[in-house]
Structure formats: structure tokens, C-alpha cells
Amino acid sequence: MSIEVTLFTVEEANRLVVEIRPELERLRELKQEFDGVETRATVLEMAAAGAAADNPDAIEFEHLKLRKQTLGERIGRGIRAVHARGCVLKDLDRGLVDFYSLHGDRLIFLCWQLGEPEVAHWHSLESGFTGRQPIQRTETE
């Protein structure tokens, strides 16, 4: 079984960053809302345990379960849409995205996260974010 990956140059990755940045910002906001709903639902689940269906805590808990499901579905669709562009969303909370690339004959990740103006780092597939190194540009670039 072979896995197909899209390979990016730094310039191609930077063009895609411009396109996906607004979507990543929206997804991160949805994730923050999801986390808040999940926290509140966890508290209400305990408060509503054994309560009647018309109990205010039980009503809010049911509402939050539905909101959490809706948010989860929207986040999932958004992540799949980002992945369909050929990049890999590694950490939604940070807006961390990797782009497959080649360094010589070695497969690497170009690395970018929300808040950075452009793709300026890379790391090996094994090292992850902690192994990020600056991209060395030649004078002709």
C-alpha cells in the first residue's frame, strides 16, 4: 500500500497559507467554543444526573450535547478540507500546519503556525515541532 502526498515548495506553501489562514482562524475559534461547551457540559452532566427532564440543568445539558455535536461536525469538515489541500493540520489550538516537501532526496515538513507571517521553518518527519529549523534561502530566491 502506498500513500500519496502532495509535495510543496516554500513558495507553494506560502501561497496556500494565504488561502487557508482565514479558515484556520475560524476553525480555532470553533475549537475554543467546543472546549468551553465540553467543559460546561461535563459540569452539568454531574449536576443533572438523575434529575427530571424538565430540570434546568438537564435541559441545558441536552442543549450543550447537541451544540458540541454540531461544533464537532463543523470542525471535522474544516479539518478534512484543510487536509484535502495537501497539508497536514497538526495542532488546531496553535494553528500548526505542516507541508510535505523535499530537502534533497529527504522527505521533510515545511512548518507554519498561525501568527507567523510565512513558512520559514522545516523539520524532519520524526522530530516534529521541537526540531524546527529555519529555512536557509539562497541568494537567488
N, C-alpha and C. Protein backbone atom coordinates (compact mmCIF):
# COMPACT_ATOMS: atom_id res chain seq x y z
N MET A 1 0.84 -1.18 0.00
CA MET A 1 0.00 0.00 0.00
C MET A 1 0.88 1.25 0.00
N SER A 2 0.63 2.15 -0.91
CA SER A 2 1.40 3.39 -0.97
C SER A 2 0.51 4.56 -0.55
N ILE A 3 1.16 5.54 0.04
CA ILE A 3 0.45 6.73 0.48
C ILE A 3 0.88 7.88 -0.43
N GLU A 4 -0.09 8.56 -1.00
CA GLU A 4 0.22 9.70 -1.85
C GLU A 4 0.31 10.95 -0.99
N VAL A 5 1.34 11.73 -1.22
CA VAL A 5 1.47 13.01 -0.54
C VAL A 5 1.69 14.09 -1.59
N THR A 6 1.24 15.28 -1.28
CA THR A 6 1.49 16.44 -2.12
C THR A 6 2.76 17.09 -1.62
N LEU A 7 3.70 17.33 -2.54
CA LEU A 7 4.94 17.99 -2.17
C LEU A 7 4.83 19.48 -2.49
N PHE A 8 5.34 20.29 -1.57
CA PHE A 8 5.27 21.74 -1.70
C PHE A 8 6.66 22.34 -1.73
N THR A 9 6.83 23.37 -2.54
CA THR A 9 7.99 24.24 -2.40
C THR A 9 7.63 25.26 -1.32
N VAL A 10 8.60 26.01 -0.84
CA VAL A 10 8.31 27.05 0.15
C VAL A 10 7.31 28.05 -0.43
N GLU A 11 7.50 28.42 -1.69
CA GLU A 11 6.61 29.40 -2.32
C GLU A 11 5.19 28.86 -2.43
N GLU A 12 5.03 27.60 -2.80
CA GLU A 12 3.70 26.99 -2.89
C GLU A 12 3.04 26.92 -1.52
N ALA A 13 3.82 26.56 -0.51
CA ALA A 13 3.28 26.51 0.85
C ALA A 13 2.84 27.89 1.30
N ASN A 14 3.62 28.91 1.01
CA ASN A 14 3.26 30.27 1.39
C ASN A 14 1.99 30.74 0.68
N ARG A 15 1.82 30.37 -0.58
CA ARG A 15 0.58 30.73 -1.28
C ARG A 15 -0.62 30.05 -0.63
N LEU A 16 -0.45 28.80 -0.23
CA LEU A 16 -1.55 28.08 0.41
C LEU A 16 -1.84 28.65 1.80
N VAL A 17 -0.81 29.09 2.51
CA VAL A 17 -1.01 29.70 3.83
C VAL A 17 -1.96 30.89 3.71
N VAL A 18 -1.77 31.71 2.69
CA VAL A 18 -2.64 32.88 2.49
C VAL A 18 -4.09 32.43 2.33
N GLU A 19 -4.29 31.33 1.63
CA GLU A 19 -5.64 30.82 1.38
C GLU A 19 -6.27 30.18 2.61
N ILE A 20 -5.49 29.44 3.38
CA ILE A 20 -6.08 28.67 4.49
C ILE A 20 -6.08 29.42 5.81
N ARG A 21 -5.32 30.51 5.92
CA ARG A 21 -5.24 31.25 7.19
C ARG A 21 -6.63 31.62 7.74
N PRO A 22 -7.52 32.24 6.92
CA PRO A 22 -8.85 32.58 7.47
C PRO A 22 -9.63 31.36 7.96
N GLU A 23 -9.53 30.26 7.23
CA GLU A 23 -10.22 29.03 7.64
C GLU A 23 -9.65 28.48 8.94
N LEU A 24 -8.34 28.52 9.09
CA LEU A 24 -7.71 28.05 10.33
C LEU A 24 -8.11 28.92 11.52
N GLU A 25 -8.18 30.22 11.30
CA GLU A 25 -8.61 31.12 12.38
C GLU A 25 -10.04 30.79 12.80
N ARG A 26 -10.91 30.55 11.81
CA ARG A 26 -12.30 30.20 12.11
C ARG A 26 -12.36 28.85 12.83
N LEU A 27 -11.59 27.88 12.35
CA LEU A 27 -11.59 26.56 13.00
C LEU A 27 -11.08 26.65 14.43
N ARG A 28 -10.07 27.46 14.66
CA ARG A 28 -9.54 27.60 16.01
C ARG A 28 -10.59 28.22 16.93
N GLU A 29 -11.34 29.20 16.43
CA GLU A 29 -12.42 29.78 17.23
C GLU A 29 -13.50 28.74 17.54
N LEU A 30 -13.84 27.93 16.54
CA LEU A 30 -14.82 26.87 16.77
C LEU A 30 -14.31 25.88 17.81
N LYS A 31 -13.02 25.56 17.75
CA LYS A 31 -12.43 24.62 18.72
C LYS A 31 -12.46 25.21 20.12
N GLN A 32 -12.20 26.51 20.25
CA GLN A 32 -12.26 27.15 21.57
C GLN A 32 -13.69 27.10 22.11
N GLU A 33 -14.67 27.35 21.23
CA GLU A 33 -16.06 27.24 21.67
C GLU A 33 -16.38 25.80 22.06
N PHE A 34 -15.93 24.84 21.25
CA PHE A 34 -16.15 23.42 21.54
C PHE A 34 -15.59 23.08 22.93
N ASP A 35 -14.37 23.53 23.22
CA ASP A 35 -13.74 23.23 24.51
C ASP A 35 -14.55 23.82 25.66
N GLY A 36 -15.05 25.04 25.47
CA GLY A 36 -15.87 25.66 26.51
C GLY A 36 -17.17 24.92 26.73
N VAL A 37 -17.82 24.52 25.64
CA VAL A 37 -19.07 23.75 25.72
C VAL A 37 -18.81 22.42 26.41
N GLU A 38 -17.70 21.78 26.05
CA GLU A 38 -17.37 20.49 26.65
C GLU A 38 -17.14 20.61 28.16
N THR A 39 -16.45 21.65 28.57
CA THR A 39 -16.21 21.87 30.00
C THR A 39 -17.52 22.09 30.74
N ARG A 40 -18.36 22.96 30.19
CA ARG A 40 -19.65 23.24 30.84
C ARG A 40 -20.52 21.98 30.85
N ALA A 41 -20.52 21.22 29.77
CA ALA A 41 -21.34 20.01 29.71
C ALA A 41 -20.87 18.98 30.73
N THR A 42 -19.58 18.90 30.95
CA THR A 42 -19.06 17.95 31.94
C THR A 42 -19.57 18.30 33.34
N VAL A 43 -19.57 19.57 33.66
CA VAL A 43 -20.07 20.02 34.97
C VAL A 43 -21.57 19.74 35.07
N LEU A 44 -22.31 20.08 34.01
CA LEU A 44 -23.77 19.89 34.04
C LEU A 44 -24.16 18.42 34.06
N GLU A 45 -23.35 17.58 33.45
CA GLU A 45 -23.67 16.15 33.45
C GLU A 45 -23.75 15.62 34.88
N MET A 46 -22.82 16.08 35.70
CA MET A 46 -22.85 15.65 37.10
C MET A 46 -24.04 16.28 37.83
N ALA A 47 -24.30 17.55 37.55
CA ALA A 47 -25.40 18.24 38.24
C ALA A 47 -26.76 17.68 37.83
N ALA A 48 -26.87 17.24 36.56
CA ALA A 48 -28.16 16.78 36.05
C ALA A 48 -28.36 15.27 36.22
N ALA A 49 -27.38 14.57 36.74
CA ALA A 49 -27.51 13.12 36.91
C ALA A 49 -28.71 12.80 37.78
N GLY A 50 -29.63 12.04 37.25
CA GLY A 50 -30.82 11.63 37.99
C GLY A 50 -31.89 12.69 38.07
N ALA A 51 -31.67 13.85 37.46
CA ALA A 51 -32.65 14.94 37.51
C ALA A 51 -33.77 14.68 36.51
N ALA A 52 -34.91 15.28 36.77
CA ALA A 52 -36.04 15.19 35.86
C ALA A 52 -35.70 15.90 34.54
N ALA A 53 -36.37 15.49 33.47
CA ALA A 53 -36.10 16.06 32.15
C ALA A 53 -36.36 17.55 32.09
N ASP A 54 -37.26 18.06 32.96
CA ASP A 54 -37.57 19.50 32.93
C ASP A 54 -36.68 20.31 33.88
N ASN A 55 -35.72 19.66 34.50
CA ASN A 55 -34.77 20.36 35.36
C ASN A 55 -33.92 21.30 34.48
N PRO A 56 -33.71 22.55 34.92
CA PRO A 56 -32.93 23.49 34.09
C PRO A 56 -31.53 22.98 33.75
N ASP A 57 -30.87 22.32 34.69
CA ASP A 57 -29.54 21.77 34.39
C ASP A 57 -29.62 20.67 33.34
N ALA A 58 -30.63 19.82 33.44
CA ALA A 58 -30.81 18.73 32.47
C ALA A 58 -31.13 19.30 31.09
N ILE A 59 -31.95 20.35 31.04
CA ILE A 59 -32.29 20.98 29.76
C ILE A 59 -31.04 21.59 29.13
N GLU A 60 -30.26 22.33 29.93
CA GLU A 60 -29.04 22.94 29.40
C GLU A 60 -28.05 21.87 28.96
N PHE A 61 -27.94 20.80 29.73
CA PHE A 61 -27.02 19.73 29.37
C PHE A 61 -27.38 19.14 28.00
N GLU A 62 -28.65 18.89 27.77
CA GLU A 62 -29.08 18.34 26.47
C GLU A 62 -28.77 19.33 25.34
N HIS A 63 -29.00 20.61 25.59
CA HIS A 63 -28.68 21.64 24.59
C HIS A 63 -27.18 21.64 24.28
N LEU A 64 -26.37 21.56 25.32
CA LEU A 64 -24.92 21.58 25.14
C LEU A 64 -24.43 20.33 24.40
N LYS A 65 -25.05 19.20 24.66
CA LYS A 65 -24.65 17.98 23.93
C LYS A 65 -24.88 18.16 22.44
N LEU A 66 -26.01 18.75 22.07
CA LEU A 66 -26.29 19.00 20.66
C LEU A 66 -25.33 20.02 20.07
N ARG A 67 -25.04 21.09 20.83
CA ARG A 67 -24.12 22.13 20.34
C ARG A 67 -22.73 21.54 20.14
N LYS A 68 -22.30 20.70 21.09
CA LYS A 68 -20.99 20.05 20.99
C LYS A 68 -20.92 19.17 19.74
N GLN A 69 -21.98 18.42 19.46
CA GLN A 69 -22.00 17.57 18.29
C GLN A 69 -21.92 18.41 17.01
N THR A 70 -22.70 19.49 16.95
CA THR A 70 -22.69 20.37 15.77
C THR A 70 -21.31 20.98 15.57
N LEU A 71 -20.71 21.48 16.65
CA LEU A 71 -19.37 22.06 16.55
C LEU A 71 -18.35 21.02 16.11
N GLY A 72 -18.43 19.83 16.67
CA GLY A 72 -17.51 18.76 16.30
C GLY A 72 -17.60 18.41 14.83
N GLU A 73 -18.82 18.37 14.30
CA GLU A 73 -19.00 18.07 12.88
C GLU A 73 -18.42 19.18 12.01
N ARG A 74 -18.66 20.43 12.39
CA ARG A 74 -18.12 21.57 11.61
C ARG A 74 -16.60 21.57 11.65
N ILE A 75 -16.03 21.30 12.82
CA ILE A 75 -14.57 21.25 12.95
C ILE A 75 -14.01 20.11 12.10
N GLY A 76 -14.64 18.97 12.18
CA GLY A 76 -14.19 17.82 11.39
C GLY A 76 -14.21 18.10 9.90
N ARG A 77 -15.29 18.72 9.41
CA ARG A 77 -15.37 19.08 7.98
C ARG A 77 -14.26 20.06 7.61
N GLY A 78 -14.02 21.04 8.48
CA GLY A 78 -12.98 22.02 8.21
C GLY A 78 -11.59 21.41 8.17
N ILE A 79 -11.31 20.51 9.09
CA ILE A 79 -10.01 19.83 9.10
C ILE A 79 -9.84 18.99 7.84
N ARG A 80 -10.89 18.27 7.46
CA ARG A 80 -10.81 17.47 6.23
C ARG A 80 -10.57 18.36 5.01
N ALA A 81 -11.18 19.54 4.99
CA ALA A 81 -10.99 20.47 3.86
C ALA A 81 -9.54 20.96 3.81
N VAL A 82 -8.94 21.23 4.97
CA VAL A 82 -7.54 21.65 5.01
C VAL A 82 -6.65 20.51 4.53
N HIS A 83 -6.90 19.32 5.02
CA HIS A 83 -6.10 18.15 4.61
C HIS A 83 -6.25 17.87 3.11
N ALA A 84 -7.43 18.13 2.56
CA ALA A 84 -7.66 17.90 1.14
C ALA A 84 -6.78 18.80 0.27
N ARG A 85 -6.27 19.88 0.84
CA ARG A 85 -5.38 20.79 0.10
C ARG A 85 -3.95 20.26 0.06
N GLY A 86 -3.69 19.15 0.76
CA GLY A 86 -2.38 18.52 0.72
C GLY A 86 -1.51 18.79 1.92
N CYS A 87 -1.96 19.64 2.83
CA CYS A 87 -1.16 19.92 4.03
C CYS A 87 -1.73 19.14 5.21
N VAL A 88 -1.02 19.18 6.32
CA VAL A 88 -1.40 18.40 7.50
C VAL A 88 -1.58 19.35 8.67
N LEU A 89 -2.80 19.41 9.18
CA LEU A 89 -3.08 20.23 10.36
C LEU A 89 -2.67 19.43 11.58
N LYS A 90 -1.59 19.86 12.25
CA LYS A 90 -1.02 19.09 13.35
C LYS A 90 -1.61 19.46 14.71
N ASP A 91 -1.95 20.75 14.89
CA ASP A 91 -2.44 21.21 16.19
C ASP A 91 -3.39 22.37 15.94
N LEU A 92 -4.67 22.12 16.09
CA LEU A 92 -5.67 23.14 15.82
C LEU A 92 -5.60 24.29 16.81
N ASP A 93 -5.32 24.00 18.08
CA ASP A 93 -5.24 25.07 19.08
C ASP A 93 -4.16 26.09 18.73
N ARG A 94 -3.08 25.62 18.17
CA ARG A 94 -1.97 26.50 17.79
C ARG A 94 -2.05 26.95 16.34
N GLY A 95 -2.90 26.30 15.55
CA GLY A 95 -2.95 26.58 14.13
C GLY A 95 -1.68 26.11 13.45
N LEU A 96 -1.18 24.95 13.87
CA LEU A 96 0.08 24.41 13.39
C LEU A 96 -0.16 23.51 12.18
N VAL A 97 0.49 23.87 11.06
CA VAL A 97 0.31 23.15 9.80
C VAL A 97 1.67 22.76 9.24
N ASP A 98 1.75 21.52 8.74
CA ASP A 98 2.95 21.05 8.07
C ASP A 98 2.63 20.78 6.61
N PHE A 99 3.65 21.00 5.77
CA PHE A 99 3.56 20.77 4.34
C PHE A 99 4.69 19.83 3.95
N TYR A 100 4.36 18.72 3.31
CA TYR A 100 5.40 17.81 2.85
C TYR A 100 6.26 18.52 1.81
N SER A 101 7.56 18.28 1.88
CA SER A 101 8.49 18.87 0.94
C SER A 101 9.71 17.96 0.83
N LEU A 102 10.56 18.27 -0.10
CA LEU A 102 11.81 17.54 -0.25
C LEU A 102 12.98 18.46 0.05
N HIS A 103 13.93 17.92 0.78
CA HIS A 103 15.21 18.59 1.01
C HIS A 103 16.24 17.64 0.44
N GLY A 104 16.68 17.92 -0.79
CA GLY A 104 17.50 16.94 -1.50
C GLY A 104 16.63 15.75 -1.83
N ASP A 105 17.00 14.57 -1.34
CA ASP A 105 16.17 13.38 -1.56
C ASP A 105 15.45 12.95 -0.28
N ARG A 106 15.43 13.84 0.70
CA ARG A 106 14.84 13.53 2.00
C ARG A 106 13.47 14.19 2.13
N LEU A 107 12.48 13.42 2.55
CA LEU A 107 11.14 13.94 2.78
C LEU A 107 11.13 14.67 4.13
N ILE A 108 10.67 15.91 4.11
CA ILE A 108 10.62 16.74 5.32
C ILE A 108 9.26 17.42 5.40
N PHE A 109 9.05 18.15 6.49
CA PHE A 109 7.88 19.02 6.62
C PHE A 109 8.33 20.46 6.64
N LEU A 110 7.70 21.28 5.81
CA LEU A 110 7.77 22.72 5.98
C LEU A 110 6.75 23.02 7.07
N CYS A 111 7.08 23.92 7.98
CA CYS A 111 6.27 24.09 9.19
C CYS A 111 5.84 25.55 9.32
N TRP A 112 4.56 25.75 9.62
CA TRP A 112 4.00 27.09 9.80
C TRP A 112 2.91 27.02 10.87
N GLN A 113 2.75 28.13 11.60
CA GLN A 113 1.63 28.21 12.53
C GLN A 113 1.03 29.60 12.49
N LEU A 114 -0.25 29.67 12.86
CA LEU A 114 -0.94 30.96 12.91
C LEU A 114 -0.11 31.95 13.71
N GLY A 115 -0.06 33.16 13.22
CA GLY A 115 0.73 34.20 13.87
C GLY A 115 2.07 34.43 13.18
N GLU A 116 2.52 33.45 12.43
CA GLU A 116 3.75 33.62 11.67
C GLU A 116 3.40 34.20 10.30
N PRO A 117 4.21 35.14 9.80
CA PRO A 117 3.86 35.78 8.53
C PRO A 117 3.99 34.87 7.32
N GLU A 118 4.88 33.88 7.39
CA GLU A 118 5.09 32.96 6.27
C GLU A 118 5.76 31.69 6.76
N VAL A 119 5.85 30.73 5.86
CA VAL A 119 6.55 29.48 6.15
C VAL A 119 8.04 29.79 6.19
N ALA A 120 8.64 29.64 7.34
CA ALA A 120 10.06 29.99 7.50
C ALA A 120 10.84 28.91 8.23
N HIS A 121 10.21 27.75 8.50
CA HIS A 121 10.87 26.67 9.23
C HIS A 121 10.57 25.33 8.58
N TRP A 122 11.40 24.36 8.91
CA TRP A 122 11.20 22.99 8.47
C TRP A 122 11.63 22.07 9.60
N HIS A 123 11.21 20.83 9.51
CA HIS A 123 11.68 19.80 10.44
C HIS A 123 11.55 18.44 9.79
N SER A 124 12.29 17.48 10.32
CA SER A 124 12.18 16.12 9.80
C SER A 124 10.81 15.55 10.17
N LEU A 125 10.45 14.49 9.51
CA LEU A 125 9.17 13.85 9.81
C LEU A 125 9.16 13.30 11.23
N GLU A 126 10.33 12.92 11.73
CA GLU A 126 10.43 12.29 13.04
C GLU A 126 10.52 13.30 14.18
N SER A 127 11.12 14.45 13.94
CA SER A 127 11.42 15.36 15.05
C SER A 127 10.25 16.21 15.49
N GLY A 128 9.35 16.53 14.62
CA GLY A 128 8.21 17.34 14.98
C GLY A 128 8.58 18.79 15.27
N PHE A 129 7.63 19.50 15.85
CA PHE A 129 7.76 20.94 16.07
C PHE A 129 9.03 21.30 16.85
N THR A 130 9.39 20.49 17.83
CA THR A 130 10.57 20.81 18.64
C THR A 130 11.86 20.76 17.84
N GLY A 131 11.83 20.10 16.68
CA GLY A 131 13.01 20.03 15.84
C GLY A 131 13.04 21.07 14.72
N ARG A 132 12.17 22.07 14.83
CA ARG A 132 12.11 23.10 13.77
C ARG A 132 13.44 23.80 13.58
N GLN A 133 13.75 24.04 12.33
CA GLN A 133 14.96 24.77 11.96
C GLN A 133 14.57 25.83 10.94
N PRO A 134 15.29 26.95 10.93
CA PRO A 134 14.98 27.98 9.92
C PRO A 134 15.31 27.49 8.52
N ILE A 135 14.51 27.90 7.57
CA ILE A 135 14.77 27.57 6.17
C ILE A 135 15.92 28.46 5.70
N GLN A 136 16.92 27.83 5.12
CA GLN A 136 18.06 28.57 4.58
C GLN A 136 17.74 28.92 3.13
N ARG A 137 17.65 30.20 2.85
CA ARG A 137 17.36 30.65 1.48
C ARG A 137 18.64 30.98 0.75
N THR A 138 18.63 30.69 -0.53
CA THR A 138 19.79 31.07 -1.34
C THR A 138 19.59 32.49 -1.86
N GLU A 139 20.66 33.11 -2.33
CA GLU A 139 20.57 34.49 -2.80
C GLU A 139 19.72 34.62 -4.05
N THR A 140 19.48 33.53 -4.79
CA THR A 140 18.66 33.61 -5.99
C THR A 140 17.17 33.53 -5.68
N GLU A 141 16.80 33.22 -4.46
CA GLU A 141 15.37 33.11 -4.11
C GLU A 141 14.81 34.45 -3.76
